[in-house]
Amino acid sequence: MNKLFKGFFMQHLKKALLNNELKLPKDDSTHIKALINSLYSKDWVVYTKKPFSNVNHVVGYLARYSHRVAITNHRIKSIDKGVVVFEYKDYTDRALKKTMSLPTHKFIQRFCLHILEPGFRKIRQYGLTSNASKLKDINKARLALGHKMVLLLDRKERKIETLTRLFGEQSNLCSHCNIGHLHTFESKQGNKDPPFQSNPFEQFK
């Protein structure tokens, strides 16, 4: 299977390159020949699973992804007196299964956030966009396409240093003289709004 798939894939790859249906970052003949030779020399691995036994299994498998809802029925533990209790995974705590209680209207509000806009379709992410590999593989793809890599955030940097590195301008530069720099010595939180009361004169009764 590995050799068969390699031959089939390479045949169509060379055909696409010959007909200019596929453009590579370096499309000179020397680079393309070296790329094809390197692909042929690699040991390809084809991952296959045992096929489904009948059509019902295929439809059942696809249905779990093509029409998947935000929460499955077995995760909802109880609905009583306007409170919904459901199970979830806490990924901040070793993906442990926990339960959460929400008022009915809050639960419905969260559920509605998963309803797609008209024209959008739910698909399962795989390949470069899968959760397990997108952080490293997307960067590799960008490098292969010749895109410049930009480090957006660095925990060791201060916010001012990050803004300067990304936009090339010193955000703390004085707007009046364009020479001096502004520095924060102390900051205070603003006053909180007064507590809401349906009748502002209720407290004087």
Protein backbone atom coordinates (compact mmCIF):
# COMPACT_ATOMS: atom_id res chain seq x y z
CA MET A 1 0.00 0.00 0.00
CA ASN A 2 2.82 2.45 0.82
CA LYS A 3 4.53 1.99 -2.57
CA LEU A 4 1.24 2.07 -4.46
CA PHE A 5 0.14 5.32 -2.84
CA LYS A 6 3.59 6.89 -3.35
CA GLY A 7 3.54 6.07 -7.07
CA PHE A 8 -0.02 7.36 -7.52
CA PHE A 9 0.67 10.58 -5.63
CA MET A 10 3.98 11.30 -7.38
CA GLN A 11 2.45 10.65 -10.79
CA HIS A 12 -0.22 13.29 -10.26
CA LEU A 13 2.26 15.68 -8.62
CA LYS A 14 4.58 15.62 -11.63
CA LYS A 15 1.60 16.00 -13.95
CA ALA A 16 0.39 19.06 -12.04
CA LEU A 17 3.87 20.64 -12.15
CA LEU A 18 4.23 19.91 -15.87
CA ASN A 19 0.86 21.52 -16.68
CA ASN A 20 1.54 24.53 -14.40
CA GLU A 21 -1.41 23.58 -12.22
CA LEU A 22 0.77 23.76 -9.11
CA LYS A 23 3.21 26.53 -8.24
CA LEU A 24 6.08 26.02 -5.83
CA PRO A 25 7.99 28.78 -3.98
CA LYS A 26 11.09 27.81 -5.99
CA ASP A 27 9.80 26.64 -9.36
CA ASP A 28 13.09 26.28 -11.19
CA SER A 29 13.76 22.89 -12.76
CA THR A 30 16.77 22.12 -10.53
CA HIS A 31 14.82 22.63 -7.34
CA ILE A 32 11.79 20.67 -8.59
CA LYS A 33 13.97 17.73 -9.64
CA ALA A 34 15.69 17.69 -6.25
CA LEU A 35 12.32 17.84 -4.50
CA ILE A 36 10.91 14.91 -6.49
CA ASN A 37 14.03 12.83 -5.88
CA SER A 38 13.85 13.49 -2.14
CA LEU A 39 10.17 12.47 -2.05
CA TYR A 40 10.91 9.23 -3.86
CA SER A 41 13.72 8.41 -1.43
CA LYS A 42 11.51 8.76 1.65
CA ASP A 43 9.65 5.86 3.27
CA TRP A 44 5.98 6.71 2.94
CA VAL A 45 3.54 5.56 5.60
CA VAL A 46 -0.10 4.96 4.72
CA TYR A 47 -2.41 4.77 7.72
CA THR A 48 -5.47 2.67 6.97
CA LYS A 49 -8.31 1.39 9.10
CA LYS A 50 -10.57 -1.57 8.69
CA PRO A 51 -13.49 -0.53 6.43
CA PHE A 52 -17.03 -0.23 7.71
CA SER A 53 -19.12 -3.37 7.46
CA ASN A 54 -22.22 -1.76 5.95
CA VAL A 55 -23.80 1.52 4.84
CA ASN A 56 -25.49 2.16 8.19
CA HIS A 57 -22.11 2.34 9.94
CA VAL A 58 -20.83 4.85 7.36
CA VAL A 59 -23.89 7.08 7.74
CA GLY A 60 -23.71 6.84 11.53
CA TYR A 61 -20.04 7.83 11.54
CA LEU A 62 -20.49 10.82 9.22
CA ALA A 63 -23.64 11.98 11.05
CA ARG A 64 -21.68 12.48 14.26
CA TYR A 65 -19.61 15.16 12.52
CA SER A 66 -21.77 16.67 9.78
CA HIS A 67 -24.65 17.47 12.16
CA ARG A 68 -22.83 17.59 15.45
CA VAL A 69 -24.46 19.80 18.07
CA ALA A 70 -22.79 21.86 20.78
CA ILE A 71 -23.58 19.32 23.50
CA THR A 72 -24.77 15.73 23.37
CA ASN A 73 -27.71 14.42 25.36
CA HIS A 74 -25.68 12.13 27.61
CA ARG A 75 -23.74 15.13 28.97
CA ILE A 76 -26.93 16.75 30.27
CA LYS A 77 -27.41 15.21 33.70
CA SER A 78 -30.59 16.91 34.89
CA ILE A 79 -33.06 19.72 34.15
CA ASP A 80 -35.02 20.74 37.20
CA LYS A 81 -36.59 23.96 38.51
CA GLY A 82 -35.04 26.17 35.88
CA VAL A 83 -31.52 24.79 36.37
CA VAL A 84 -29.55 22.67 33.87
CA VAL A 85 -26.76 20.44 35.20
CA PHE A 86 -24.32 19.17 32.55
CA GLU A 87 -20.91 17.54 32.31
CA TYR A 88 -17.82 19.16 30.77
CA LYS A 89 -14.06 18.70 30.54
CA ASP A 90 -11.90 21.16 32.43
CA TYR A 91 -8.80 21.41 30.22
CA THR A 92 -7.16 23.74 32.72
CA ASP A 93 -7.23 20.90 35.24
CA ARG A 94 -5.87 17.85 33.38
CA ALA A 95 -9.07 17.52 31.30
CA LEU A 96 -10.98 16.18 34.28
CA LYS A 97 -14.71 15.67 33.86
CA LYS A 98 -16.74 18.02 36.05
CA THR A 99 -20.33 19.19 36.34
CA MET A 100 -21.70 22.70 36.02
CA SER A 101 -25.09 24.15 36.93
CA LEU A 102 -26.57 27.01 34.93
CA PRO A 103 -29.97 28.70 34.88
CA THR A 104 -32.01 27.58 31.88
CA HIS A 105 -31.80 30.92 30.07
CA LYS A 106 -28.00 31.02 30.51
CA PHE A 107 -27.67 27.49 29.17
CA ILE A 108 -29.77 28.34 26.11
CA GLN A 109 -27.73 31.50 25.60
CA ARG A 110 -24.48 29.51 25.51
CA PHE A 111 -26.00 26.91 23.23
CA CYS A 112 -27.10 29.59 20.75
CA LEU A 113 -23.51 30.82 20.46
CA HIS A 114 -22.77 27.59 18.55
CA ILE A 115 -25.42 28.21 15.89
CA LEU A 116 -23.69 29.09 12.62
CA GLU A 117 -24.55 32.05 10.44
CA PRO A 118 -26.41 31.36 7.16
CA GLY A 119 -24.06 30.01 4.50
CA PHE A 120 -21.57 28.45 6.93
CA ARG A 121 -21.10 24.70 7.24
CA LYS A 122 -19.61 22.62 10.03
CA ILE A 123 -16.57 20.60 9.01
CA ARG A 124 -14.09 18.54 10.95
CA GLN A 125 -10.62 20.08 11.05
CA TYR A 126 -7.79 17.86 9.90
CA GLY A 127 -4.30 18.09 8.47
CA LEU A 128 -2.65 21.48 8.94
CA THR A 129 -5.64 22.86 10.86
CA SER A 130 -6.05 20.01 13.35
CA ASN A 131 -5.65 21.02 16.98
CA ALA A 132 -2.80 18.59 17.53
CA SER A 133 -0.55 19.99 14.81
CA LYS A 134 -1.68 23.43 13.70
CA LEU A 135 0.73 25.34 15.96
CA LYS A 136 3.83 23.75 14.42
CA ASP A 137 2.64 22.71 10.95
CA ILE A 138 1.16 26.07 9.94
CA ASN A 139 4.48 27.75 10.74
CA LYS A 140 6.27 25.18 8.57
CA ALA A 141 3.82 25.85 5.73
CA ARG A 142 4.38 29.59 5.96
CA LEU A 143 8.14 29.13 5.86
CA ALA A 144 7.83 26.84 2.83
CA LEU A 145 5.79 29.53 1.05
CA GLY A 146 8.37 32.16 1.86
CA HIS A 147 6.19 34.13 4.25
CA LYS A 148 7.97 36.21 6.82
CA MET A 149 7.47 34.90 10.33
CA VAL A 150 6.52 37.53 12.88
CA LEU A 151 6.59 36.82 16.58
CA LEU A 152 3.42 38.48 17.83
CA LEU A 153 3.75 37.99 21.57
CA ASP A 154 6.71 37.31 23.79
CA ARG A 155 6.15 36.79 27.51
CA LYS A 156 9.59 38.21 28.29
CA GLU A 157 8.78 41.53 26.64
CA ARG A 158 6.90 44.43 28.08
CA LYS A 159 3.86 45.70 26.20
CA ILE A 160 5.71 48.81 25.02
CA GLU A 161 8.59 46.71 23.65
CA THR A 162 6.16 44.42 21.79
CA LEU A 163 4.38 47.38 20.16
CA THR A 164 7.68 48.90 19.12
CA ARG A 165 8.90 45.64 17.58
CA LEU A 166 5.67 44.98 15.67
CA PHE A 167 4.85 48.48 14.42
CA GLY A 168 8.25 50.17 14.43
CA GLU A 169 7.02 53.12 16.47
CA GLN A 170 7.61 53.90 20.10
CA SER A 171 4.17 54.05 21.65
CA ASN A 172 5.43 55.89 24.73
CA LEU A 173 7.02 58.73 22.75
CA CYS A 174 5.84 62.18 23.81
CA SER A 175 3.38 63.48 21.22
CA HIS A 176 4.33 67.10 21.99
CA CYS A 177 8.13 67.12 21.57
CA ASN A 178 8.67 63.71 19.90
CA ILE A 179 11.84 63.32 21.98
CA GLY A 180 10.95 62.43 25.55
CA HIS A 181 9.35 59.17 26.64
CA LEU A 182 6.30 58.74 28.83
CA HIS A 183 6.58 56.38 31.78
CA THR A 184 3.83 55.06 34.06
CA PHE A 185 4.65 55.52 37.75
CA GLU A 186 1.26 54.74 39.26
CA SER A 187 -2.21 53.83 38.08
CA LYS A 188 -5.50 53.83 39.93
CA GLN A 189 -8.76 52.16 39.09
CA GLY A 190 -11.70 54.37 38.28
CA ASN A 191 -14.63 54.80 40.61
CA LYS A 192 -17.22 52.07 40.42
CA ASP A 193 -20.75 52.81 39.32
CA PRO A 194 -23.31 52.99 42.14
CA PRO A 195 -25.37 49.81 42.70
CA PHE A 196 -28.44 49.57 40.51
CA GLN A 197 -31.76 50.28 42.18
CA SER A 198 -35.12 50.14 40.53
CA ASN A 199 -36.24 53.05 42.73
CA PRO A 200 -33.43 55.48 43.69
CA PHE A 201 -35.51 56.75 46.68
CA GLU A 202 -36.03 53.24 48.08
CA GLN A 203 -33.14 53.64 50.55
CA PHE A 204 -34.71 56.70 52.16
CA LYS A 205 -37.94 54.93 53.14
